[in-house]
Amino acid sequence: MSKNKQRISATNSPVLPGEFLRKRACNPVRFMYNEGMDQYLKVKVHAGEKKNKLLQKAPDTFEIWVKAPAQEGRANEAVRALLAAHLNVAENKLSLVKGATSPSKIFLNRSEL
């Protein structure tokens, strides 16, 4: 490596729009993503509970309890409705990106914030 070239590490490299910003290197699931007005939301779901409840743990992290069972996507639709109501966005602006059959889900919020 020549003396003219600078070594770019994770700490001093510039972050371009649309890149994933790692909060912690030890946990690859925790990330923030922001491109324009899109935002990824991490959601932990508890299906088949006695009542619907939403707990916001961080600006982009939620824990949601829903009455709907985890069958045929009913719990996913209930979570999407609760999340949309909490964020004051239309349901069609939230799309499930990852975790259709898992309790840990990632939603994409495509609304104008």
N, C-alpha and C. Protein backbone atom coordinates (compact mmCIF):
# COMPACT_ATOMS: atom_id res chain seq x y z
N MET A 1 0.84 -1.17 0.00
CA MET A 1 0.00 0.00 0.00
C MET A 1 0.89 1.24 0.00
N SER A 2 0.63 2.13 -0.92
CA SER A 2 1.47 3.32 -1.02
C SER A 2 1.12 4.32 0.08
N LYS A 3 2.02 5.25 0.30
CA LYS A 3 1.80 6.25 1.34
C LYS A 3 0.73 7.26 0.94
N ASN A 4 0.47 7.41 -0.34
CA ASN A 4 -0.51 8.38 -0.82
C ASN A 4 -1.96 7.94 -0.53
N LYS A 5 -2.18 6.66 -0.53
CA LYS A 5 -3.54 6.15 -0.31
C LYS A 5 -3.84 6.08 1.18
N GLN A 6 -5.05 6.50 1.52
CA GLN A 6 -5.45 6.41 2.92
C GLN A 6 -6.20 5.11 3.14
N ARG A 7 -5.99 4.54 4.26
CA ARG A 7 -6.72 3.34 4.62
C ARG A 7 -8.09 3.75 5.15
N ILE A 8 -9.13 3.19 4.60
CA ILE A 8 -10.49 3.52 5.04
C ILE A 8 -11.00 2.40 5.93
N SER A 9 -11.35 2.77 7.13
CA SER A 9 -11.89 1.79 8.07
C SER A 9 -13.36 2.06 8.27
N ALA A 10 -14.02 1.22 9.05
CA ALA A 10 -15.46 1.38 9.31
C ALA A 10 -15.73 2.65 10.11
N THR A 11 -14.75 3.15 10.84
CA THR A 11 -14.99 4.32 11.67
C THR A 11 -14.87 5.63 10.91
N ASN A 12 -14.01 5.69 9.87
CA ASN A 12 -13.83 6.96 9.19
C ASN A 12 -14.37 6.95 7.75
N SER A 13 -15.05 5.90 7.35
CA SER A 13 -15.57 5.86 5.99
C SER A 13 -16.85 6.67 5.89
N PRO A 14 -17.04 7.37 4.78
CA PRO A 14 -18.27 8.15 4.61
C PRO A 14 -19.46 7.23 4.38
N VAL A 15 -20.62 7.65 4.84
CA VAL A 15 -21.82 6.85 4.68
C VAL A 15 -22.65 7.48 3.56
N LEU A 16 -22.92 6.70 2.56
CA LEU A 16 -23.70 7.17 1.43
C LEU A 16 -25.18 6.94 1.68
N PRO A 17 -26.08 7.71 1.05
CA PRO A 17 -27.51 7.49 1.23
C PRO A 17 -27.90 6.09 0.80
N GLY A 18 -28.74 5.46 1.56
CA GLY A 18 -29.20 4.12 1.24
C GLY A 18 -28.34 3.01 1.82
N GLU A 19 -27.26 3.35 2.49
CA GLU A 19 -26.42 2.32 3.10
C GLU A 19 -26.95 1.94 4.47
N PHE A 20 -26.67 0.73 4.89
CA PHE A 20 -27.05 0.29 6.21
C PHE A 20 -26.06 0.83 7.22
N LEU A 21 -26.58 1.36 8.30
CA LEU A 21 -25.73 1.88 9.37
C LEU A 21 -25.79 0.90 10.53
N ARG A 22 -24.70 0.27 10.82
CA ARG A 22 -24.66 -0.71 11.90
C ARG A 22 -24.56 0.01 13.24
N LYS A 23 -25.46 -0.34 14.17
CA LYS A 23 -25.37 0.21 15.51
C LYS A 23 -24.39 -0.60 16.34
N ARG A 24 -24.46 -1.91 16.19
CA ARG A 24 -23.57 -2.79 16.94
C ARG A 24 -23.06 -3.87 16.01
N ALA A 25 -21.77 -4.07 16.02
CA ALA A 25 -21.19 -5.08 15.13
C ALA A 25 -21.53 -6.49 15.59
N CYS A 26 -21.79 -6.67 16.88
CA CYS A 26 -22.05 -8.00 17.40
C CYS A 26 -23.47 -8.49 17.07
N ASN A 27 -24.39 -7.60 16.77
CA ASN A 27 -25.76 -8.00 16.48
C ASN A 27 -26.14 -7.50 15.08
N PRO A 28 -26.02 -8.35 14.06
CA PRO A 28 -26.26 -7.89 12.70
C PRO A 28 -27.71 -7.58 12.40
N VAL A 29 -28.65 -7.96 13.27
CA VAL A 29 -30.06 -7.68 13.01
C VAL A 29 -30.40 -6.24 13.36
N ARG A 30 -29.69 -5.63 14.29
CA ARG A 30 -29.96 -4.25 14.68
C ARG A 30 -29.32 -3.31 13.66
N PHE A 31 -30.14 -2.69 12.87
CA PHE A 31 -29.64 -1.73 11.92
C PHE A 31 -30.66 -0.62 11.72
N MET A 32 -30.19 0.48 11.19
CA MET A 32 -31.08 1.56 10.80
C MET A 32 -30.92 1.73 9.31
N TYR A 33 -31.97 2.05 8.65
CA TYR A 33 -31.91 2.27 7.22
C TYR A 33 -32.77 3.48 6.93
N ASN A 34 -32.25 4.40 6.19
CA ASN A 34 -33.02 5.58 5.87
C ASN A 34 -32.62 6.07 4.49
N GLU A 35 -33.52 5.94 3.54
CA GLU A 35 -33.27 6.43 2.20
C GLU A 35 -34.47 7.27 1.80
N GLY A 36 -34.29 8.55 1.70
CA GLY A 36 -35.43 9.41 1.42
C GLY A 36 -36.36 9.38 2.60
N MET A 37 -37.58 8.95 2.38
CA MET A 37 -38.57 8.88 3.45
C MET A 37 -38.87 7.45 3.89
N ASP A 38 -38.19 6.46 3.33
CA ASP A 38 -38.41 5.07 3.72
C ASP A 38 -37.72 4.77 5.05
N GLN A 39 -38.34 3.90 5.84
CA GLN A 39 -37.77 3.55 7.14
C GLN A 39 -38.11 2.10 7.45
N TYR A 40 -37.14 1.34 7.89
CA TYR A 40 -37.37 -0.04 8.31
C TYR A 40 -37.72 -0.05 9.79
N LEU A 41 -38.70 -0.87 10.15
CA LEU A 41 -39.16 -0.99 11.54
C LEU A 41 -39.01 -2.44 11.98
N LYS A 42 -38.36 -2.64 13.11
CA LYS A 42 -38.20 -3.98 13.67
C LYS A 42 -39.33 -4.24 14.66
N VAL A 43 -39.99 -5.39 14.50
CA VAL A 43 -41.17 -5.69 15.31
C VAL A 43 -41.05 -7.10 15.88
N LYS A 44 -41.30 -7.25 17.16
CA LYS A 44 -41.39 -8.55 17.82
C LYS A 44 -42.87 -8.77 18.10
N VAL A 45 -43.43 -9.89 17.62
CA VAL A 45 -44.87 -10.13 17.69
C VAL A 45 -45.18 -11.29 18.63
N HIS A 46 -46.25 -11.10 19.42
CA HIS A 46 -46.80 -12.16 20.27
C HIS A 46 -48.24 -12.38 19.80
N ALA A 47 -48.47 -13.45 19.09
CA ALA A 47 -49.81 -13.72 18.54
C ALA A 47 -50.64 -14.55 19.50
N GLY A 48 -51.98 -14.45 19.38
CA GLY A 48 -52.89 -15.24 20.20
C GLY A 48 -52.99 -14.76 21.64
N GLU A 49 -52.79 -13.50 21.88
CA GLU A 49 -52.86 -12.95 23.24
C GLU A 49 -54.29 -12.54 23.59
N LYS A 50 -54.53 -12.17 24.84
CA LYS A 50 -55.88 -11.80 25.29
C LYS A 50 -56.33 -10.45 24.77
N LYS A 51 -55.38 -9.52 24.60
CA LYS A 51 -55.76 -8.20 24.09
C LYS A 51 -54.63 -7.62 23.24
N ASN A 52 -54.98 -6.67 22.39
CA ASN A 52 -53.99 -6.01 21.54
C ASN A 52 -53.23 -4.96 22.35
N LYS A 53 -51.91 -4.93 22.17
CA LYS A 53 -51.07 -3.99 22.90
C LYS A 53 -49.85 -3.69 22.05
N LEU A 54 -49.40 -2.44 22.08
CA LEU A 54 -48.21 -2.03 21.33
C LEU A 54 -47.26 -1.31 22.28
N LEU A 55 -46.02 -1.72 22.28
CA LEU A 55 -44.98 -1.10 23.11
C LEU A 55 -43.85 -0.64 22.19
N GLN A 56 -43.55 0.66 22.21
CA GLN A 56 -42.46 1.18 21.39
C GLN A 56 -41.21 1.22 22.24
N LYS A 57 -40.21 0.42 21.86
CA LYS A 57 -38.97 0.34 22.63
C LYS A 57 -37.93 1.36 22.18
N ALA A 58 -37.98 1.72 20.91
CA ALA A 58 -37.06 2.71 20.32
C ALA A 58 -37.80 3.33 19.14
N PRO A 59 -37.24 4.36 18.52
CA PRO A 59 -37.95 4.97 17.38
C PRO A 59 -38.27 4.01 16.25
N ASP A 60 -37.46 2.95 16.10
CA ASP A 60 -37.70 2.00 15.02
C ASP A 60 -37.90 0.57 15.51
N THR A 61 -38.17 0.38 16.79
CA THR A 61 -38.33 -0.95 17.38
C THR A 61 -39.62 -1.03 18.19
N PHE A 62 -40.41 -2.07 17.91
CA PHE A 62 -41.70 -2.24 18.57
C PHE A 62 -41.86 -3.67 19.06
N GLU A 63 -42.67 -3.83 20.11
CA GLU A 63 -43.12 -5.14 20.56
C GLU A 63 -44.64 -5.08 20.58
N ILE A 64 -45.28 -6.02 19.88
CA ILE A 64 -46.72 -5.96 19.69
C ILE A 64 -47.36 -7.28 20.07
N TRP A 65 -48.45 -7.19 20.87
CA TRP A 65 -49.26 -8.34 21.24
C TRP A 65 -50.59 -8.21 20.51
N VAL A 66 -51.02 -9.27 19.81
CA VAL A 66 -52.28 -9.23 19.06
C VAL A 66 -53.14 -10.43 19.41
N LYS A 67 -54.47 -10.22 19.33
CA LYS A 67 -55.42 -11.30 19.59
C LYS A 67 -55.42 -12.34 18.48
N ALA A 68 -55.16 -11.92 17.28
CA ALA A 68 -55.25 -12.80 16.11
C ALA A 68 -54.26 -13.95 16.22
N PRO A 69 -54.68 -15.13 15.78
CA PRO A 69 -53.76 -16.29 15.81
C PRO A 69 -52.72 -16.19 14.70
N ALA A 70 -51.63 -16.90 14.88
CA ALA A 70 -50.56 -16.90 13.88
C ALA A 70 -50.86 -17.95 12.82
N GLN A 71 -51.98 -17.80 12.15
CA GLN A 71 -52.40 -18.73 11.10
C GLN A 71 -52.85 -17.95 9.88
N GLU A 72 -52.39 -18.37 8.73
CA GLU A 72 -52.81 -17.80 7.45
C GLU A 72 -52.61 -16.28 7.37
N GLY A 73 -51.60 -15.77 8.05
CA GLY A 73 -51.28 -14.35 7.97
C GLY A 73 -52.21 -13.42 8.74
N ARG A 74 -53.08 -13.98 9.58
CA ARG A 74 -54.02 -13.13 10.34
C ARG A 74 -53.29 -12.24 11.34
N ALA A 75 -52.29 -12.79 12.02
CA ALA A 75 -51.53 -12.00 12.99
C ALA A 75 -50.73 -10.90 12.27
N ASN A 76 -50.19 -11.20 11.10
CA ASN A 76 -49.43 -10.19 10.35
C ASN A 76 -50.32 -9.02 9.97
N GLU A 77 -51.54 -9.30 9.53
CA GLU A 77 -52.46 -8.22 9.17
C GLU A 77 -52.87 -7.40 10.39
N ALA A 78 -53.06 -8.07 11.52
CA ALA A 78 -53.41 -7.35 12.76
C ALA A 78 -52.25 -6.47 13.21
N VAL A 79 -51.03 -6.96 13.10
CA VAL A 79 -49.85 -6.18 13.47
C VAL A 79 -49.71 -4.98 12.55
N ARG A 80 -49.92 -5.21 11.27
CA ARG A 80 -49.82 -4.11 10.31
C ARG A 80 -50.85 -3.02 10.60
N ALA A 81 -52.08 -3.43 10.97
CA ALA A 81 -53.13 -2.46 11.30
C ALA A 81 -52.79 -1.67 12.57
N LEU A 82 -52.31 -2.36 13.61
CA LEU A 82 -51.93 -1.68 14.85
C LEU A 82 -50.76 -0.72 14.63
N LEU A 83 -49.78 -1.17 13.88
CA LEU A 83 -48.61 -0.34 13.61
C LEU A 83 -48.99 0.89 12.79
N ALA A 84 -49.84 0.72 11.81
CA ALA A 84 -50.28 1.85 10.98
C ALA A 84 -51.06 2.86 11.81
N ALA A 85 -51.92 2.37 12.70
CA ALA A 85 -52.69 3.27 13.56
C ALA A 85 -51.77 4.04 14.51
N HIS A 86 -50.76 3.36 15.04
CA HIS A 86 -49.82 4.01 15.97
C HIS A 86 -48.98 5.07 15.26
N LEU A 87 -48.56 4.79 14.03
CA LEU A 87 -47.71 5.72 13.28
C LEU A 87 -48.50 6.75 12.49
N ASN A 88 -49.82 6.65 12.51
CA ASN A 88 -50.71 7.55 11.76
C ASN A 88 -50.40 7.53 10.26
N VAL A 89 -50.26 6.34 9.71
CA VAL A 89 -50.05 6.17 8.27
C VAL A 89 -51.08 5.18 7.75
N ALA A 90 -51.28 5.17 6.45
CA ALA A 90 -52.19 4.21 5.84
C ALA A 90 -51.56 2.81 5.87
N GLU A 91 -52.41 1.79 5.98
CA GLU A 91 -51.90 0.42 6.04
C GLU A 91 -51.14 0.04 4.79
N ASN A 92 -51.54 0.56 3.64
CA ASN A 92 -50.86 0.19 2.41
C ASN A 92 -49.48 0.82 2.29
N LYS A 93 -49.10 1.69 3.20
CA LYS A 93 -47.76 2.27 3.23
C LYS A 93 -46.78 1.42 4.03
N LEU A 94 -47.28 0.41 4.74
CA LEU A 94 -46.44 -0.51 5.49
C LEU A 94 -46.41 -1.85 4.77
N SER A 95 -45.23 -2.35 4.50
CA SER A 95 -45.12 -3.65 3.86
C SER A 95 -44.17 -4.54 4.66
N LEU A 96 -44.53 -5.81 4.74
CA LEU A 96 -43.73 -6.79 5.47
C LEU A 96 -42.57 -7.22 4.58
N VAL A 97 -41.34 -6.95 5.05
CA VAL A 97 -40.15 -7.25 4.26
C VAL A 97 -39.59 -8.61 4.64
N LYS A 98 -39.59 -8.92 5.93
CA LYS A 98 -38.96 -10.15 6.41
C LYS A 98 -39.71 -10.66 7.62
N GLY A 99 -39.83 -11.98 7.74
CA GLY A 99 -40.41 -12.59 8.93
C GLY A 99 -41.87 -12.94 8.81
N ALA A 100 -42.34 -13.37 7.65
CA ALA A 100 -43.75 -13.70 7.47
C ALA A 100 -44.19 -14.82 8.41
N THR A 101 -43.32 -15.77 8.71
CA THR A 101 -43.68 -16.88 9.59
C THR A 101 -42.90 -16.85 10.90
N SER A 102 -42.22 -15.77 11.18
CA SER A 102 -41.40 -15.64 12.38
C SER A 102 -41.99 -14.58 13.31
N PRO A 103 -41.76 -14.69 14.62
CA PRO A 103 -42.21 -13.64 15.53
C PRO A 103 -41.41 -12.34 15.38
N SER A 104 -40.20 -12.41 14.85
CA SER A 104 -39.39 -11.21 14.62
C SER A 104 -39.59 -10.79 13.17
N LYS A 105 -40.10 -9.57 12.98
CA LYS A 105 -40.45 -9.11 11.65
C LYS A 105 -39.79 -7.77 11.35
N ILE A 106 -39.67 -7.47 10.07
CA ILE A 106 -39.19 -6.17 9.63
C ILE A 106 -40.20 -5.62 8.64
N PHE A 107 -40.73 -4.44 8.96
CA PHE A 107 -41.68 -3.75 8.09
C PHE A 107 -40.98 -2.56 7.46
N LEU A 108 -41.40 -2.23 6.24
CA LEU A 108 -40.90 -1.04 5.56
C LEU A 108 -41.99 0.00 5.58
N ASN A 109 -41.69 1.17 6.15
CA ASN A 109 -42.63 2.29 6.20
C ASN A 109 -42.30 3.20 5.03
N ARG A 110 -43.19 3.24 4.03
CA ARG A 110 -42.95 4.04 2.83
C ARG A 110 -43.73 5.33 2.84
N SER A 111 -44.14 5.80 4.00
CA SER A 111 -44.91 7.04 4.08
C SER A 111 -43.98 8.24 4.14
N GLU A 112 -44.56 9.41 3.89
CA GLU A 112 -43.79 10.64 3.99
C GLU A 112 -43.84 11.10 5.44
N LEU A 113 -42.69 11.09 6.09
CA LEU A 113 -42.63 11.39 7.52
C LEU A 113 -42.70 12.87 7.79
